[in-house]
Protein backbone atom coordinates (compact mmCIF):
# COMPACT_ATOMS: atom_id res chain seq x y z
CA MET A 1 -16.88 -9.96 19.93
CA ARG A 2 -18.22 -12.28 17.20
CA LEU A 3 -19.77 -9.17 15.64
CA ALA A 4 -16.32 -7.88 14.62
CA PRO A 5 -16.22 -9.60 11.18
CA ALA A 6 -19.64 -8.15 10.30
CA ILE A 7 -18.59 -4.70 11.54
CA ARG A 8 -15.39 -5.04 9.51
CA LYS A 9 -17.41 -5.65 6.34
CA LEU A 10 -19.72 -2.71 6.98
CA ARG A 11 -16.85 -0.36 7.73
CA SER A 12 -15.01 -1.65 4.68
CA MET A 13 -17.71 -0.22 2.43
CA GLU A 14 -17.43 3.19 4.10
CA ARG A 15 -13.63 3.07 3.85
CA ARG A 16 -13.73 2.17 0.17
CA PHE A 17 -15.99 5.13 -0.52
CA ARG A 18 -13.57 7.45 1.32
CA GLN A 19 -10.69 5.92 -0.64
CA ALA A 20 -12.56 6.52 -3.91
CA ARG A 21 -13.11 10.19 -2.98
CA MET A 22 -9.45 10.51 -2.05
CA ILE A 23 -8.31 8.97 -5.35
CA ALA A 24 -10.69 11.26 -7.26
CA ARG A 25 -9.10 14.28 -5.51
CA MET A 26 -5.61 13.02 -6.33
CA ILE A 27 -6.48 12.49 -9.98
CA GLN A 28 -7.74 16.07 -10.18
CA SER A 29 -4.47 17.56 -8.92
CA ARG A 30 -0.87 16.39 -8.47
CA ARG A 31 -0.28 18.95 -5.71
CA TYR A 32 -1.02 16.51 -2.88
CA PRO A 33 0.89 13.51 -1.51
CA ILE A 34 -1.19 10.37 -1.96
CA LEU A 35 0.63 8.25 0.64
CA ALA A 36 3.12 8.98 3.42
CA HIS A 37 5.01 6.38 5.45
CA ILE A 38 6.03 7.77 8.81
CA ILE A 39 8.33 6.12 11.36
CA PRO A 40 7.32 6.53 15.04
CA ILE A 41 10.18 4.30 16.24
CA ARG A 42 13.14 2.64 14.53
CA ARG A 43 13.52 -0.09 17.14
CA CYS A 44 12.13 -3.55 16.44
CA ASN A 45 11.59 -6.58 18.64
CA LEU A 46 12.71 -8.92 15.82
CA SER A 47 15.96 -9.22 13.85
CA CYS A 48 15.05 -10.52 10.37
CA ALA A 49 18.26 -11.16 8.43
CA TYR A 50 17.13 -9.46 5.21
CA CYS A 51 15.79 -6.28 6.84
CA ASN A 52 17.66 -2.96 6.91
CA GLU A 53 14.87 -0.89 8.46
CA TYR A 54 15.38 -1.41 12.20
CA ASP A 55 17.75 -1.16 15.14
CA LYS A 56 17.71 -2.42 18.72
CA VAL A 57 18.36 0.82 20.61
CA SER A 58 16.22 3.71 19.33
CA SER A 59 13.73 5.40 21.61
CA PRO A 60 10.22 6.28 20.41
CA VAL A 61 9.85 9.64 18.70
CA PRO A 62 8.25 11.92 21.35
CA THR A 63 4.47 11.99 21.01
CA ALA A 64 4.27 15.77 20.71
CA GLU A 65 6.73 15.68 17.82
CA MET A 66 4.82 12.88 16.08
CA LEU A 67 1.56 14.83 16.42
CA ARG A 68 3.27 17.87 14.90
CA ARG A 69 4.48 15.79 11.94
CA ILE A 70 1.01 14.36 11.40
CA ASP A 71 -0.42 17.89 11.37
CA LEU A 72 2.19 18.92 8.79
CA LEU A 73 1.30 15.97 6.55
CA ALA A 74 -2.38 16.86 6.81
CA ALA A 75 -1.57 20.46 5.87
CA LEU A 76 0.13 19.15 2.71
CA GLY A 77 -3.15 17.44 1.80
CA THR A 78 -1.87 13.87 2.28
CA GLY A 79 -4.49 11.19 1.58
CA ILE A 80 -3.12 8.20 3.54
CA VAL A 81 -0.67 8.05 6.45
CA THR A 82 0.89 4.67 7.24
CA PHE A 83 2.90 3.88 10.36
CA SER A 84 5.92 1.71 9.66
CA GLY A 85 9.17 0.99 11.43
CA GLY A 86 10.97 -0.66 13.09
CA GLU A 87 7.94 -1.99 14.89
CA PRO A 88 5.39 0.82 15.32
CA LEU A 89 3.45 -1.04 18.04
CA LEU A 90 6.45 -0.36 20.31
CA HIS A 91 5.47 3.33 20.39
CA PRO A 92 3.64 3.82 23.71
CA GLU A 93 1.17 6.42 22.33
CA LEU A 94 0.45 4.92 18.93
CA ASP A 95 -3.31 5.03 19.49
CA GLU A 96 -3.19 8.77 20.11
CA LEU A 97 -1.28 9.18 16.87
CA ILE A 98 -3.89 7.16 14.96
CA ARG A 99 -6.68 9.29 16.43
CA ARG A 100 -4.86 12.45 15.29
CA ILE A 101 -4.70 11.16 11.71
CA ARG A 102 -8.41 10.34 11.74
CA ALA A 103 -9.24 13.76 13.21
CA HIS A 104 -7.81 15.29 10.03
CA GLY A 105 -10.02 13.06 7.85
CA VAL A 106 -6.93 11.20 6.60
CA ILE A 107 -6.88 7.41 6.15
CA ALA A 108 -4.83 5.72 8.91
CA THR A 109 -3.00 2.43 8.28
CA LEU A 110 -0.33 0.36 10.02
CA ILE A 111 2.43 -2.07 8.97
CA THR A 112 3.44 -4.38 11.82
CA ASN A 113 5.22 -7.69 12.34
CA GLY A 114 2.16 -8.74 14.37
CA THR A 115 3.98 -10.34 17.29
CA LEU A 116 2.73 -7.77 19.85
CA LEU A 117 -0.96 -8.19 18.98
CA THR A 118 -3.34 -9.44 21.65
CA PRO A 119 -7.16 -9.32 21.79
CA GLU A 120 -6.92 -6.26 24.06
CA ARG A 121 -4.43 -4.51 21.74
CA ILE A 122 -6.62 -5.17 18.70
CA GLN A 123 -9.63 -3.68 20.49
CA GLN A 124 -7.58 -0.61 21.37
CA LEU A 125 -6.71 -0.18 17.70
CA ASN A 126 -10.44 -0.47 16.88
CA ARG A 127 -11.24 2.34 19.31
CA ALA A 128 -8.40 4.50 17.98
CA GLY A 129 -9.93 4.30 14.50
CA LEU A 130 -7.29 2.28 12.62
CA GLU A 131 -8.54 1.53 9.11
CA GLN A 132 -6.12 -1.04 7.72
CA LEU A 133 -3.33 -3.25 9.06
CA GLN A 134 -0.72 -5.23 7.12
CA ILE A 135 1.51 -8.06 8.28
CA SER A 136 4.19 -9.68 6.11
CA ILE A 137 4.71 -13.36 6.92
CA ASP A 138 7.90 -14.88 5.55
CA ASN A 139 7.74 -18.61 6.26
CA VAL A 140 5.73 -21.38 7.91
CA GLN A 141 8.38 -22.27 10.51
CA PRO A 142 10.79 -19.68 12.00
CA ASP A 143 14.39 -19.95 10.80
CA ASP A 144 17.65 -17.99 10.87
CA VAL A 145 16.35 -15.57 8.20
CA SER A 146 13.02 -14.61 9.77
CA LYS A 147 10.91 -15.24 12.85
CA LYS A 148 7.82 -13.79 11.12
CA SER A 149 6.41 -17.27 10.61
CA LEU A 150 2.92 -18.68 10.35
CA LYS A 151 3.62 -20.92 13.35
CA VAL A 152 4.41 -17.87 15.51
CA LEU A 153 1.64 -15.64 14.12
CA ASP A 154 -1.30 -17.93 13.42
CA ARG A 155 -2.89 -17.32 16.82
CA LYS A 156 -2.51 -13.57 16.24
CA LEU A 157 -4.28 -13.96 12.89
CA GLN A 158 -7.14 -15.80 14.56
CA TRP A 159 -7.50 -12.95 17.04
CA LEU A 160 -7.54 -10.45 14.18
CA ALA A 161 -10.25 -12.44 12.43
CA GLU A 162 -12.31 -12.46 15.62
CA TYR A 163 -11.77 -8.94 16.97
CA ALA A 164 -10.50 -6.56 14.27
CA GLU A 165 -12.97 -4.00 12.90
CA PHE A 166 -10.35 -2.73 10.43
CA GLU A 167 -9.20 -4.30 7.17
CA VAL A 168 -6.38 -6.82 7.41
CA ASN A 169 -3.95 -7.64 4.61
CA ILE A 170 -1.46 -10.49 4.83
CA ASN A 171 1.56 -10.07 2.58
CA THR A 172 3.37 -13.27 1.66
CA VAL A 173 7.00 -13.07 0.59
CA ILE A 174 8.83 -14.95 -2.10
CA GLY A 175 12.37 -14.71 -3.47
CA ALA A 176 16.01 -14.96 -2.46
CA GLY A 177 16.60 -15.75 1.20
CA ILE A 178 13.28 -17.56 1.70
CA GLU A 179 14.20 -21.22 2.08
CA ASN A 180 10.95 -22.86 0.97
CA PRO A 181 8.94 -21.07 -1.75
CA ASP A 182 5.89 -23.25 -1.05
CA ASP A 183 5.55 -21.53 2.33
CA ALA A 184 4.19 -18.42 0.58
CA HIS A 185 1.37 -20.49 -0.92
CA THR A 186 0.52 -22.03 2.46
CA ILE A 187 0.44 -18.60 4.13
CA ALA A 188 -1.75 -17.08 1.41
CA ARG A 189 -4.27 -19.94 1.70
CA ARG A 190 -4.43 -19.57 5.48
CA ALA A 191 -4.99 -15.81 5.20
CA ARG A 192 -7.88 -16.34 2.78
CA GLU A 193 -9.40 -18.97 5.10
CA LEU A 194 -9.53 -16.30 7.80
CA GLY A 195 -11.20 -13.81 5.46
CA PHE A 196 -8.21 -11.50 4.93
CA ASP A 197 -6.97 -9.79 1.78
CA THR A 198 -3.62 -11.08 0.51
CA THR A 199 -0.73 -9.70 -1.50
CA VAL A 200 2.58 -11.23 -2.51
CA GLY A 201 5.90 -9.42 -2.34
CA ILE A 202 9.19 -10.22 -4.05
CA VAL A 203 12.24 -10.02 -1.78
CA HIS A 204 14.53 -7.13 -2.72
CA ASP A 205 18.12 -6.34 -1.94
CA HIS A 206 19.21 -3.56 0.45
CA SER A 207 18.58 -0.87 -2.15
CA GLY A 208 15.08 -2.05 -3.01
CA GLN A 209 16.15 -3.71 -6.28
CA VAL A 210 14.63 -6.86 -7.71
CA ARG A 211 16.10 -10.33 -7.44
CA PRO A 212 14.71 -12.54 -10.26
CA LEU A 213 12.63 -15.52 -9.17
CA GLY A 214 13.75 -19.05 -9.95
CA ASP A 215 11.52 -21.54 -11.76
CA LYS A 216 10.08 -22.99 -8.55
CA GLU A 217 9.49 -19.54 -7.09
CA ARG A 218 7.70 -18.37 -10.26
CA MET A 219 5.47 -21.43 -10.17
CA VAL A 220 4.47 -20.71 -6.57
CA TYR A 221 3.94 -17.03 -7.38
CA GLU A 222 1.62 -17.95 -10.27
CA GLN A 223 -0.34 -20.33 -8.02
CA ILE A 224 -0.90 -17.60 -5.45
CA GLN A 225 -2.00 -15.11 -8.10
CA ALA A 226 -4.38 -17.62 -9.69
CA GLU A 227 -6.09 -18.42 -6.38
CA LYS A 228 -6.36 -14.96 -4.85
CA LYS A 229 -9.58 -12.98 -4.74
CA PRO A 230 -9.82 -10.80 -7.87
CA GLY A 231 -9.53 -7.09 -7.24
CA PHE A 232 -9.02 -4.01 -9.38
CA MET A 233 -5.75 -2.76 -7.87
CA ALA A 234 -4.21 -6.21 -7.39
CA PHE A 235 -4.97 -7.31 -10.96
CA ALA A 236 -3.83 -4.01 -12.48
CA TYR A 237 -0.66 -3.97 -10.36
CA ASP A 238 0.24 -7.50 -11.38
CA ASN A 239 -0.03 -6.65 -15.09
CA LEU A 240 1.81 -3.35 -14.80
CA PHE A 241 4.66 -4.28 -12.44
CA HIS A 242 4.75 -7.71 -10.86
CA LYS A 243 4.96 -9.88 -13.97
CA ASN A 244 8.17 -8.18 -15.01
CA LEU A 245 9.59 -8.21 -11.48
CA ALA A 246 9.04 -11.97 -11.21
CA LEU A 247 11.21 -12.37 -14.32
CA GLY A 248 13.82 -9.89 -13.11
CA GLN A 249 12.97 -7.54 -15.96
CA ALA A 250 12.94 -3.75 -15.88
CA ASN A 251 9.70 -1.78 -15.58
CA ASP A 252 9.21 1.37 -17.63
CA TRP A 253 7.54 3.83 -15.26
CA HIS A 254 8.00 7.21 -13.61
CA CYS A 255 8.62 7.07 -9.85
CA ARG A 256 6.91 9.92 -7.96
CA ALA A 257 8.73 9.39 -4.65
CA GLY A 258 9.36 12.67 -2.87
CA SER A 259 6.12 14.05 -4.28
CA ARG A 260 3.12 11.75 -4.37
CA TYR A 261 4.83 9.35 -1.98
CA LEU A 262 6.73 10.57 1.10
CA TYR A 263 8.86 8.59 3.53
CA ILE A 264 9.45 10.40 6.83
CA CYS A 265 12.16 8.85 9.00
CA GLU A 266 12.36 8.99 12.79
CA ASP A 267 14.40 12.20 12.51
CA GLY A 268 11.58 13.93 10.62
CA LEU A 269 13.43 14.01 7.26
CA ILE A 270 11.76 13.22 3.95
CA HIS A 271 13.43 10.52 1.83
CA TYR A 272 12.46 8.80 -1.41
CA CYS A 273 11.59 5.50 0.33
CA SER A 274 12.79 3.05 2.98
CA GLN A 275 15.47 1.69 0.63
CA GLN A 276 16.71 5.05 -0.67
CA ARG A 277 17.20 6.93 2.58
CA GLY A 278 19.51 9.93 2.30
CA TYR A 279 17.84 12.03 -0.39
CA PRO A 280 16.36 14.62 -0.48
CA ALA A 281 16.66 14.43 3.36
CA ILE A 282 14.79 17.72 3.87
CA PRO A 283 12.95 18.30 7.18
CA LEU A 284 9.21 17.82 6.83
CA GLU A 285 8.47 21.32 8.15
CA GLN A 286 10.57 22.81 5.33
CA TYR A 287 9.06 20.68 2.56
CA GLY A 288 6.68 22.47 0.22
CA GLN A 289 5.11 22.61 -3.22
CA GLU A 290 8.37 23.52 -4.92
CA ASP A 291 10.02 20.37 -3.53
CA MET A 292 7.10 18.15 -4.49
CA GLU A 293 6.95 19.60 -8.00
CA ARG A 294 10.69 19.00 -8.46
CA GLU A 295 10.53 15.41 -7.27
CA TYR A 296 7.37 14.72 -9.27
CA TRP A 297 9.43 15.10 -12.46
CA THR A 298 12.80 13.80 -11.22
CA GLN A 299 13.89 10.58 -12.92
CA LYS A 300 15.10 8.05 -10.31
CA ALA A 301 17.89 5.76 -11.47
CA CYS A 302 16.66 2.99 -9.18
CA ALA A 303 13.14 2.92 -10.69
CA PRO A 304 13.46 0.22 -13.41
CA TYR A 305 14.23 -2.62 -10.98
CA CYS A 306 12.46 -1.21 -7.91
CA THR A 307 10.24 -3.61 -5.92
CA ILE A 308 8.65 -1.07 -3.52
CA SER A 309 4.98 -1.79 -4.26
CA CYS A 310 3.50 1.17 -2.36
CA VAL A 311 5.47 3.58 -4.59
CA HIS A 312 4.36 1.64 -7.68
CA ARG A 313 0.69 1.87 -6.71
CA VAL A 314 0.91 5.61 -6.15
CA ALA A 315 2.37 6.00 -9.64
CA MET A 316 -0.58 4.08 -11.09
CA ILE A 317 -2.92 6.89 -10.03
CA ASP A 318 -0.85 9.47 -11.89
CA LEU A 319 -0.72 7.22 -14.94
CA VAL A 320 -4.53 7.23 -14.97
CA LYS A 321 -4.48 11.01 -14.57
CA GLU A 322 -2.10 11.61 -17.47
CA GLN A 323 -2.95 8.83 -19.94
CA PRO A 324 -6.27 7.28 -18.91
CA ARG A 325 -6.97 5.06 -21.93
CA GLU A 326 -3.36 3.92 -22.23
CA ALA A 327 -3.29 3.18 -18.51
CA LEU A 328 -6.44 1.06 -18.66
CA THR A 329 -4.99 -0.94 -21.55
CA GLN A 330 -1.84 -1.58 -19.51
CA PHE A 331 -3.82 -2.48 -16.39
CA PHE A 332 -6.21 -4.80 -18.24
CA PRO A 333 -4.43 -5.96 -21.40
CA PRO A 334 -6.48 -7.41 -24.28
CA ALA A 335 -6.67 -11.18 -24.71
CA THR A 336 -5.16 -10.82 -28.18
CA PRO A 337 -2.79 -8.15 -29.54
CA GLY A 338 -4.72 -5.20 -30.92
CA GLY A 339 -7.93 -6.21 -29.17
CA ALA A 340 -9.96 -4.22 -26.67
CA ALA A 341 -8.88 -3.93 -23.04
CA ARG A 342 -10.69 -6.42 -20.76
CA LEU A 343 -12.15 -3.89 -18.34
CA PRO A 344 -14.02 -4.94 -15.17
CA MET A 345 -17.65 -3.82 -15.09
CA GLY A 346 -17.06 -0.96 -12.64
CA VAL A 347 -14.04 0.35 -14.54
CA SER A 348 -15.93 0.13 -17.83
CA PHE A 349 -18.81 2.12 -16.31
CA LEU A 350 -16.53 4.88 -15.00
CA SER A 351 -14.61 5.12 -18.27
CA ARG A 352 -17.89 5.69 -20.11
CA MET A 353 -18.81 8.36 -17.58
CA PHE A 354 -15.58 10.34 -17.66
CA LEU A 355 -13.67 9.61 -20.87
CA PRO A 356 -14.68 11.04 -24.24
CA PRO A 357 -15.99 8.34 -26.62
CA GLU A 358 -13.19 6.92 -28.76
CA ASN A 359 -15.25 7.34 -31.92
CA GLY A 360 -15.63 11.08 -31.31
CA THR A 361 -19.39 11.06 -30.86
CA PRO A 362 -20.72 13.26 -28.03
CA GLN A 363 -22.00 11.75 -24.80
CA GLY A 364 -25.73 11.23 -24.61
CA ALA A 365 -27.89 13.26 -22.23
CA ALA A 366 -28.46 10.33 -19.86
CA VAL A 367 -24.73 9.64 -19.59
CA LYS A 368 -24.04 13.31 -18.88
CA VAL A 369 -26.61 13.34 -16.07
CA MET A 370 -25.18 10.17 -14.53
CA ALA A 371 -21.63 11.50 -14.83
CA ALA A 372 -22.63 14.72 -13.06
CA GLY A 373 -24.14 12.67 -10.23
CA VAL A 374 -21.03 10.52 -9.88
CA ARG A 375 -18.85 13.64 -9.81
CA ARG A 376 -20.88 15.15 -6.99
CA LEU A 377 -20.73 11.87 -5.07
CA LEU A 378 -16.94 11.72 -5.39
CA GLY A 379 -16.43 15.43 -4.76
CA ILE A 380 -15.07 16.07 -8.26
CA ARG A 381 -15.41 19.63 -9.47
């Protein structure tokens, strides 16, 4: 199974191309959900003190019902479906559900606490076609707040590094309730050693609202950000959202929950997100374009201090759609006020392909030909 890391890299390139085509489709039209989180089971095998997303008694959603919900999400044109929970690995037919998502050509991802992973289970997820898995690790040693510790999970991470053919992201957590902020730095370094992508999350309260970081926590956060592998989305997200969140400051953005982002609970109802369950609470089978259009424009009172990163990232795509040059400046701010945005090479290339020149001069013939080729490659009409 030592071939798994090489297979993971090869498949990563194919996945990134599919993601690029999906994003291109979403930029063309706001009619489709970009990301849906769906809950196959509310039960969890852990009891983290800060979590309000689990219980100890719920049964798995029947497989036939889950397949029906996946089909409905595909019919809405959803780009990515993520299993969350509870602990989704407790669902006995999770692999069948993953295969159904892939059969629709939709990207299939999973958020898990990782404790149920074994070499055999990882290989089953490979065969099912899982494309990305995320684990949040809260501390180095388990404590009364969380058992999702590096000590408990490190062997699982080694198995993922050895056997997983899908992408793995390790999310470190920092903020109120986490006893030792330095733990987040230790976890992020270990994840990078194993070849995984890393993100850092700021602990929120039970309504998804930000808790400002203390001086020590901000220092650790800045260390993690400085050491992590550079990436377009991570860098842009940090500039647009995370820097303010770390200071406990409001973000000025338009939340698209209920439209471009859907959260489907175990009862099959659509909610804004895991922290705002209760509205609009409409059954998935009754949800349509009118609902998505309404929620696309609805201002959410919780948005300024929201810490739900998946909803933030979805909104970034619509910001590019509506105000491309302004968005790029926000994502990649100039080194000095009034200067040019510091665009990565790939972003600079695409902006020349698709955005009218700022000086008003027409595109040259060669650029037009290249842009037409890129459009065909990405499926842009």
